[in-house]
Amino acid sequence: MVSVEVEITAVVDTAFPGFVEFELVDARGSRHAFVDKAPIVVSERTVGSLELPCRGHLRCQVVERHRDTVVIGTSAPDSVESTTGQTRFAVLTSGGPFSGLEPLHATFKAG
């Protein structure tokens, strides 16, 4: 399993488990908005203490591999979709959300 970097932009609800709004930037530079449970993208125990905006990670699957991009799916393992219902996104393999992930998360290597 891999994860893609997202930017948490707002706390929507602080009641357990907490809900946040976050964005994923695709290979074209388009921003895709999501609203979901905070534990899906951030490990902070207290959602209300987040300093926004902040970085998070969304687990996903690699659906297709291309030279400079990968197509990821967010429907597994956590059943996450954008506010428009989209679950597949082309993201850059370098200089994009798949680069610079923390060691805890798998990174994609083009190859």
C-alpha atoms as a PDB file:
ATOM      1  CA  MET A   1       0.000   0.000   0.000  1.00  0.00           C
ATOM      2  CA  VAL A   2       1.190   3.495  -0.789  1.00  0.00           C
ATOM      3  CA  SER A   3       0.037   6.902   0.345  1.00  0.00           C
ATOM      4  CA  VAL A   4      -0.192  10.254  -1.355  1.00  0.00           C
ATOM      5  CA  GLU A   5       0.499  13.604   0.273  1.00  0.00           C
ATOM      6  CA  VAL A   6      -2.497  15.877   0.860  1.00  0.00           C
ATOM      7  CA  GLU A   7      -2.933  19.297   2.437  1.00  0.00           C
ATOM      8  CA  ILE A   8      -5.371  19.547   5.334  1.00  0.00           C
ATOM      9  CA  THR A   9      -7.094  22.900   4.941  1.00  0.00           C
ATOM     10  CA  ALA A  10      -9.889  22.964   7.537  1.00  0.00           C
ATOM     11  CA  VAL A  11     -11.362  21.200  10.540  1.00  0.00           C
ATOM     12  CA  VAL A  12     -15.013  20.539   9.740  1.00  0.00           C
ATOM     13  CA  ASP A  13     -16.049  18.857  13.021  1.00  0.00           C
ATOM     14  CA  THR A  14     -14.074  18.281  16.237  1.00  0.00           C
ATOM     15  CA  ALA A  15     -16.461  15.660  17.665  1.00  0.00           C
ATOM     16  CA  PHE A  16     -14.935  12.165  17.708  1.00  0.00           C
ATOM     17  CA  PRO A  17     -13.406  11.030  15.398  1.00  0.00           C
ATOM     18  CA  GLY A  18     -13.137  14.519  13.891  1.00  0.00           C
ATOM     19  CA  PHE A  19     -13.662  15.478  10.272  1.00  0.00           C
ATOM     20  CA  VAL A  20     -11.272  17.498   8.130  1.00  0.00           C
ATOM     21  CA  GLU A  21     -11.264  19.021   4.667  1.00  0.00           C
ATOM     22  CA  PHE A  22      -8.176  18.236   2.629  1.00  0.00           C
ATOM     23  CA  GLU A  23      -6.896  18.667  -0.917  1.00  0.00           C
ATOM     24  CA  LEU A  24      -4.915  16.557  -3.347  1.00  0.00           C
ATOM     25  CA  VAL A  25      -3.089  18.247  -6.244  1.00  0.00           C
ATOM     26  CA  ASP A  26      -3.053  16.180  -9.427  1.00  0.00           C
ATOM     27  CA  ALA A  27      -0.462  16.076 -12.229  1.00  0.00           C
ATOM     28  CA  ARG A  28      -2.146  18.998 -14.025  1.00  0.00           C
ATOM     29  CA  GLY A  29      -2.065  21.159 -10.900  1.00  0.00           C
ATOM     30  CA  SER A  30      -5.808  20.851 -10.289  1.00  0.00           C
ATOM     31  CA  ARG A  31      -6.919  20.730  -6.658  1.00  0.00           C
ATOM     32  CA  HIS A  32      -9.396  18.066  -5.573  1.00  0.00           C
ATOM     33  CA  ALA A  33     -11.259  18.607  -2.297  1.00  0.00           C
ATOM     34  CA  PHE A  34     -12.204  15.875   0.178  1.00  0.00           C
ATOM     35  CA  VAL A  35     -14.024  15.818   3.513  1.00  0.00           C
ATOM     36  CA  ASP A  36     -13.502  12.729   5.646  1.00  0.00           C
ATOM     37  CA  LYS A  37     -12.595  11.419   9.071  1.00  0.00           C
ATOM     38  CA  ALA A  38      -9.366  12.938  10.366  1.00  0.00           C
ATOM     39  CA  PRO A  39      -7.677   9.564  11.144  1.00  0.00           C
ATOM     40  CA  ILE A  40      -7.811   8.792   7.396  1.00  0.00           C
ATOM     41  CA  VAL A  41      -5.133  11.448   6.731  1.00  0.00           C
ATOM     42  CA  VAL A  42      -3.535  12.561  10.017  1.00  0.00           C
ATOM     43  CA  SER A  43      -2.353  10.826  13.180  1.00  0.00           C
ATOM     44  CA  GLU A  44      -2.960  13.776  15.546  1.00  0.00           C
ATOM     45  CA  ARG A  45      -5.183  12.672  18.425  1.00  0.00           C
ATOM     46  CA  THR A  46      -6.791  16.093  18.907  1.00  0.00           C
ATOM     47  CA  VAL A  47      -8.136  17.441  15.643  1.00  0.00           C
ATOM     48  CA  GLY A  48      -8.830  20.832  17.206  1.00  0.00           C
ATOM     49  CA  SER A  49      -5.111  21.351  17.865  1.00  0.00           C
ATOM     50  CA  LEU A  50      -4.041  21.055  14.213  1.00  0.00           C
ATOM     51  CA  GLU A  51      -2.149  24.062  12.869  1.00  0.00           C
ATOM     52  CA  LEU A  52      -3.622  24.624   9.427  1.00  0.00           C
ATOM     53  CA  PRO A  53      -2.817  24.188   6.703  1.00  0.00           C
ATOM     54  CA  CYS A  54      -0.793  21.049   7.389  1.00  0.00           C
ATOM     55  CA  ARG A  55       0.380  17.974   5.555  1.00  0.00           C
ATOM     56  CA  GLY A  56      -1.388  14.636   5.715  1.00  0.00           C
ATOM     57  CA  HIS A  57      -1.197  11.315   3.900  1.00  0.00           C
ATOM     58  CA  LEU A  58      -4.031   9.462   2.198  1.00  0.00           C
ATOM     59  CA  ARG A  59      -3.641   5.723   1.643  1.00  0.00           C
ATOM     60  CA  CYS A  60      -4.277   4.667  -1.934  1.00  0.00           C
ATOM     61  CA  GLN A  61      -3.524   2.079  -4.599  1.00  0.00           C
ATOM     62  CA  VAL A  62      -1.496   2.471  -7.787  1.00  0.00           C
ATOM     63  CA  VAL A  63      -3.838   1.731 -10.680  1.00  0.00           C
ATOM     64  CA  GLU A  64      -1.601   2.617 -13.661  1.00  0.00           C
ATOM     65  CA  ARG A  65       2.055   3.522 -14.056  1.00  0.00           C
ATOM     66  CA  HIS A  66       3.325   5.938 -16.655  1.00  0.00           C
ATOM     67  CA  ARG A  67       6.703   7.586 -17.245  1.00  0.00           C
ATOM     68  CA  ASP A  68       6.240  10.690 -15.077  1.00  0.00           C
ATOM     69  CA  THR A  69       2.873   9.988 -13.462  1.00  0.00           C
ATOM     70  CA  VAL A  70       0.903   7.298 -11.732  1.00  0.00           C
ATOM     71  CA  VAL A  71      -2.845   6.956 -11.573  1.00  0.00           C
ATOM     72  CA  ILE A  72      -3.932   6.307  -8.017  1.00  0.00           C
ATOM     73  CA  GLY A  73      -7.222   5.043  -6.660  1.00  0.00           C
ATOM     74  CA  THR A  74      -8.559   6.241  -3.316  1.00  0.00           C
ATOM     75  CA  SER A  75     -11.533   3.867  -3.088  1.00  0.00           C
ATOM     76  CA  ALA A  76      -9.317   1.272  -1.364  1.00  0.00           C
ATOM     77  CA  PRO A  77      -8.422   0.696   1.355  1.00  0.00           C
ATOM     78  CA  ASP A  78     -10.443   3.476   3.046  1.00  0.00           C
ATOM     79  CA  SER A  79     -13.340   4.154   0.620  1.00  0.00           C
ATOM     80  CA  VAL A  80     -12.428   7.819   0.131  1.00  0.00           C
ATOM     81  CA  GLU A  81     -13.787   9.976  -2.690  1.00  0.00           C
ATOM     82  CA  SER A  82     -13.489  13.659  -3.539  1.00  0.00           C
ATOM     83  CA  THR A  83     -16.388  16.032  -2.938  1.00  0.00           C
ATOM     84  CA  THR A  84     -17.280  15.498  -6.615  1.00  0.00           C
ATOM     85  CA  GLY A  85     -17.261  11.692  -6.269  1.00  0.00           C
ATOM     86  CA  GLN A  86     -13.931  11.110  -8.012  1.00  0.00           C
ATOM     87  CA  THR A  87     -11.672   8.270  -6.822  1.00  0.00           C
ATOM     88  CA  ARG A  88      -8.935   8.152  -9.503  1.00  0.00           C
ATOM     89  CA  PHE A  89      -6.243  10.788  -9.926  1.00  0.00           C
ATOM     90  CA  ALA A  90      -3.075  11.130 -12.012  1.00  0.00           C
ATOM     91  CA  VAL A  91      -0.238  12.400  -9.804  1.00  0.00           C
ATOM     92  CA  LEU A  92       3.406  13.222 -10.525  1.00  0.00           C
ATOM     93  CA  THR A  93       6.035  10.685  -9.441  1.00  0.00           C
ATOM     94  CA  SER A  94       8.626  13.396  -8.692  1.00  0.00           C
ATOM     95  CA  GLY A  95       8.087  16.921  -7.442  1.00  0.00           C
ATOM     96  CA  GLY A  96       4.478  15.993  -6.707  1.00  0.00           C
ATOM     97  CA  PRO A  97       2.560  14.365  -3.890  1.00  0.00           C
ATOM     98  CA  PHE A  98       4.347  11.020  -4.364  1.00  0.00           C
ATOM     99  CA  SER A  99       7.761  12.592  -3.633  1.00  0.00           C
ATOM    100  CA  GLY A 100       9.172  13.308  -0.198  1.00  0.00           C
ATOM    101  CA  LEU A 101       6.919  11.049   1.837  1.00  0.00           C
ATOM    102  CA  GLU A 102       7.905  10.134   5.357  1.00  0.00           C
ATOM    103  CA  PRO A 103       9.640   6.750   5.849  1.00  0.00           C
ATOM    104  CA  LEU A 104       6.457   5.370   7.417  1.00  0.00           C
ATOM    105  CA  HIS A 105       4.786   5.589   4.007  1.00  0.00           C
ATOM    106  CA  ALA A 106       5.730   3.755   0.848  1.00  0.00           C
ATOM    107  CA  THR A 107       6.978   5.860  -2.042  1.00  0.00           C
ATOM    108  CA  PHE A 108       6.543   5.158  -5.719  1.00  0.00           C
ATOM    109  CA  LYS A 109       9.647   4.731  -7.825  1.00  0.00           C
ATOM    110  CA  ALA A 110       9.250   5.035 -11.584  1.00  0.00           C
ATOM    111  CA  GLY A 111      10.767   2.253 -13.308  1.00  0.00           C
END
